[in-house]
Every structure is written in structure tokens, then in C-alpha cells.
N, C-alpha and C. Protein backbone atom coordinates (compact mmCIF):
# COMPACT_ATOMS: atom_id res chain seq x y z
N MET A 1 5.30 29.56 -72.70
CA MET A 1 6.69 29.21 -72.46
C MET A 1 6.77 27.76 -72.00
N ILE A 2 7.68 27.01 -72.55
CA ILE A 2 7.89 25.62 -72.16
C ILE A 2 8.88 25.58 -71.00
N GLN A 3 8.55 24.79 -69.98
CA GLN A 3 9.43 24.62 -68.83
C GLN A 3 9.76 23.13 -68.68
N THR A 4 10.96 22.84 -68.25
CA THR A 4 11.34 21.46 -67.95
C THR A 4 11.57 21.37 -66.45
N LEU A 5 10.90 20.43 -65.80
CA LEU A 5 10.99 20.25 -64.36
C LEU A 5 11.35 18.81 -64.04
N GLU A 6 12.08 18.61 -62.96
CA GLU A 6 12.37 17.25 -62.51
C GLU A 6 11.24 16.78 -61.61
N ALA A 7 10.92 15.51 -61.70
CA ALA A 7 9.86 14.93 -60.88
C ALA A 7 10.24 13.50 -60.55
N ILE A 8 9.54 12.93 -59.59
CA ILE A 8 9.72 11.53 -59.23
C ILE A 8 8.37 10.84 -59.42
N VAL A 9 8.39 9.69 -60.06
CA VAL A 9 7.17 8.91 -60.29
C VAL A 9 7.29 7.62 -59.50
N ASN A 10 6.27 7.34 -58.67
CA ASN A 10 6.34 6.09 -57.89
C ASN A 10 5.70 4.95 -58.68
N GLU A 11 5.71 3.76 -58.09
CA GLU A 11 5.22 2.57 -58.79
C GLU A 11 3.73 2.64 -59.13
N SER A 12 2.97 3.48 -58.42
CA SER A 12 1.54 3.63 -58.73
C SER A 12 1.29 4.67 -59.81
N GLY A 13 2.35 5.33 -60.28
CA GLY A 13 2.19 6.33 -61.31
C GLY A 13 1.97 7.74 -60.79
N GLN A 14 2.05 7.93 -59.48
CA GLN A 14 1.90 9.27 -58.92
C GLN A 14 3.15 10.08 -59.22
N VAL A 15 2.97 11.30 -59.67
CA VAL A 15 4.07 12.18 -60.04
C VAL A 15 4.20 13.28 -58.99
N ARG A 16 5.43 13.46 -58.47
CA ARG A 16 5.71 14.54 -57.52
C ARG A 16 6.85 15.38 -58.07
N LEU A 17 6.58 16.67 -58.21
CA LEU A 17 7.63 17.58 -58.68
C LEU A 17 8.66 17.79 -57.58
N THR A 18 9.90 17.97 -57.96
CA THR A 18 10.97 18.18 -56.97
C THR A 18 11.18 19.65 -56.66
N GLN A 19 10.40 20.52 -57.30
CA GLN A 19 10.49 21.96 -57.06
C GLN A 19 9.11 22.56 -57.24
N PRO A 20 8.86 23.72 -56.66
CA PRO A 20 7.55 24.35 -56.82
C PRO A 20 7.30 24.78 -58.26
N LEU A 21 6.04 24.81 -58.63
CA LEU A 21 5.64 25.23 -59.96
C LEU A 21 4.52 26.25 -59.82
N ASP A 22 4.69 27.41 -60.41
CA ASP A 22 3.69 28.47 -60.34
C ASP A 22 3.15 28.73 -61.73
N ILE A 23 1.98 28.16 -62.04
CA ILE A 23 1.34 28.38 -63.34
C ILE A 23 -0.11 28.73 -63.10
N LYS A 24 -0.73 29.33 -64.07
CA LYS A 24 -2.14 29.68 -64.02
C LYS A 24 -2.89 28.82 -65.02
N GLY A 25 -4.02 28.31 -64.63
CA GLY A 25 -4.86 27.55 -65.54
C GLY A 25 -4.34 26.14 -65.82
N TRP A 26 -4.99 25.51 -66.76
CA TRP A 26 -4.64 24.14 -67.15
C TRP A 26 -3.60 24.15 -68.26
N HIS A 27 -2.70 23.19 -68.22
CA HIS A 27 -1.66 23.06 -69.24
C HIS A 27 -1.47 21.58 -69.56
N ARG A 28 -1.05 21.30 -70.75
CA ARG A 28 -0.67 19.93 -71.10
C ARG A 28 0.75 19.71 -70.61
N ALA A 29 1.10 18.46 -70.35
CA ALA A 29 2.46 18.13 -69.91
C ALA A 29 2.87 16.80 -70.53
N LEU A 30 4.16 16.64 -70.72
CA LEU A 30 4.73 15.37 -71.17
C LEU A 30 5.60 14.83 -70.05
N VAL A 31 5.56 13.53 -69.82
CA VAL A 31 6.37 12.91 -68.78
C VAL A 31 7.30 11.91 -69.46
N THR A 32 8.60 12.06 -69.20
CA THR A 32 9.60 11.13 -69.73
C THR A 32 10.14 10.33 -68.56
N ILE A 33 10.04 9.02 -68.61
CA ILE A 33 10.54 8.16 -67.54
C ILE A 33 12.00 7.82 -67.84
N LEU A 34 12.89 8.19 -66.93
CA LEU A 34 14.32 7.92 -67.09
C LEU A 34 14.65 6.57 -66.48
N GLU A 35 15.73 5.98 -66.89
CA GLU A 35 16.09 4.65 -66.41
C GLU A 35 16.67 4.65 -65.01
N GLU A 36 17.40 5.70 -64.62
CA GLU A 36 18.04 5.70 -63.32
C GLU A 36 17.04 6.11 -62.23
N PRO A 37 17.18 5.52 -61.04
CA PRO A 37 16.30 5.89 -59.92
C PRO A 37 16.67 7.28 -59.39
N PRO A 38 15.76 7.91 -58.66
CA PRO A 38 16.06 9.23 -58.10
C PRO A 38 17.15 9.14 -57.04
N ALA A 39 17.85 10.25 -56.84
CA ALA A 39 18.85 10.32 -55.78
C ALA A 39 18.15 10.16 -54.44
N GLU A 40 18.77 9.47 -53.51
CA GLU A 40 18.15 9.20 -52.21
C GLU A 40 17.79 10.47 -51.46
N ALA A 41 18.61 11.49 -51.55
CA ALA A 41 18.34 12.73 -50.82
C ALA A 41 17.07 13.40 -51.33
N VAL A 42 16.88 13.41 -52.64
CA VAL A 42 15.69 14.02 -53.21
C VAL A 42 14.46 13.22 -52.80
N GLU A 43 14.56 11.90 -52.86
CA GLU A 43 13.43 11.06 -52.49
C GLU A 43 13.07 11.25 -51.02
N ALA A 44 14.03 11.30 -50.15
CA ALA A 44 13.77 11.50 -48.72
C ALA A 44 13.13 12.86 -48.48
N ALA A 45 13.58 13.87 -49.20
CA ALA A 45 12.99 15.21 -49.04
C ALA A 45 11.53 15.20 -49.47
N LEU A 46 11.23 14.53 -50.56
CA LEU A 46 9.85 14.48 -51.02
C LEU A 46 8.96 13.71 -50.05
N LEU A 47 9.48 12.63 -49.49
CA LEU A 47 8.68 11.85 -48.56
C LEU A 47 8.37 12.62 -47.28
N SER A 48 9.28 13.49 -46.85
CA SER A 48 9.06 14.24 -45.62
C SER A 48 8.35 15.56 -45.86
N GLU A 49 8.18 15.95 -47.11
CA GLU A 49 7.62 17.27 -47.42
C GLU A 49 6.24 17.47 -46.81
N SER A 50 5.34 16.53 -46.95
CA SER A 50 3.98 16.74 -46.46
C SER A 50 3.92 16.83 -44.94
N SER A 51 4.75 16.06 -44.25
CA SER A 51 4.72 16.14 -42.78
C SER A 51 5.35 17.43 -42.29
N LEU A 52 6.37 17.93 -42.98
CA LEU A 52 7.00 19.19 -42.59
C LEU A 52 6.18 20.40 -43.00
N ALA A 53 5.36 20.26 -44.03
CA ALA A 53 4.57 21.39 -44.52
C ALA A 53 3.63 21.92 -43.44
N ALA A 54 3.14 21.05 -42.57
CA ALA A 54 2.25 21.50 -41.49
C ALA A 54 2.96 22.53 -40.61
N ASP A 55 4.25 22.35 -40.36
CA ASP A 55 5.01 23.33 -39.58
C ASP A 55 5.42 24.53 -40.42
N TRP A 56 5.83 24.30 -41.65
CA TRP A 56 6.33 25.39 -42.49
C TRP A 56 5.26 26.42 -42.79
N GLU A 57 4.01 25.99 -42.92
CA GLU A 57 2.94 26.87 -43.38
C GLU A 57 2.20 27.57 -42.24
N ARG A 58 2.75 27.55 -41.04
CA ARG A 58 2.12 28.24 -39.91
C ARG A 58 2.49 29.72 -39.95
N PRO A 59 1.59 30.59 -39.49
CA PRO A 59 1.88 32.03 -39.44
C PRO A 59 3.13 32.34 -38.59
N GLU A 60 3.37 31.56 -37.55
CA GLU A 60 4.54 31.77 -36.70
C GLU A 60 5.83 31.59 -37.48
N GLU A 61 5.85 30.64 -38.39
CA GLU A 61 7.03 30.41 -39.22
C GLU A 61 7.26 31.59 -40.16
N ASP A 62 6.18 32.07 -40.78
CA ASP A 62 6.30 33.23 -41.66
C ASP A 62 6.88 34.42 -40.91
N GLU A 63 6.39 34.64 -39.71
CA GLU A 63 6.86 35.76 -38.91
C GLU A 63 8.34 35.59 -38.53
N ALA A 64 8.72 34.37 -38.16
CA ALA A 64 10.09 34.11 -37.73
C ALA A 64 11.10 34.35 -38.85
N TRP A 65 10.71 34.12 -40.09
CA TRP A 65 11.64 34.24 -41.22
C TRP A 65 11.41 35.50 -42.04
N SER A 66 10.48 36.35 -41.63
CA SER A 66 10.12 37.53 -42.43
C SER A 66 11.30 38.50 -42.62
N HIS A 67 12.24 38.51 -41.69
CA HIS A 67 13.39 39.42 -41.82
C HIS A 67 14.30 39.05 -43.00
N LEU A 68 14.16 37.88 -43.57
CA LEU A 68 15.00 37.46 -44.68
C LEU A 68 14.40 37.82 -46.04
N GLN A 69 13.18 38.31 -46.05
CA GLN A 69 12.54 38.61 -47.34
C GLN A 69 12.95 39.96 -47.86
């Protein structure tokens, strides 16, 4: 199945997806560079993602939000 995902590419060519991707194994991908820059909110969210992930991925967080699953 072909999927289309939004991503942000920085000046060094690093690609960051704006949403999670769940696939198994290796896949080929095509990257299309658009002319307009990313929305500021999306860019800020991506920049803070790694620092917030340390808190999000703790067992205490899973327990605190388990009632919503």
C-alpha cells in the first residue's frame, strides 16, 4: 500500500516526519521538496519532540493516561 506523509527537511537534508509511521521492514520512499516553508507550529512541535519524548515515554505517563485507552 502506498502512503503519503508530510515531513520537514532541514538544510542538511535530514527528514523528519510530522506524524508517526508504523511499517515493517525496509521500503523505498520518494521525497518531494515543496516551495513553501513549513508552518511555524509544526516546526516548533518537531523541534520540541525529542526533549518532550523523555517525559512522554515514562511508565508513569502511561499509567496516568491509561484510563483514556
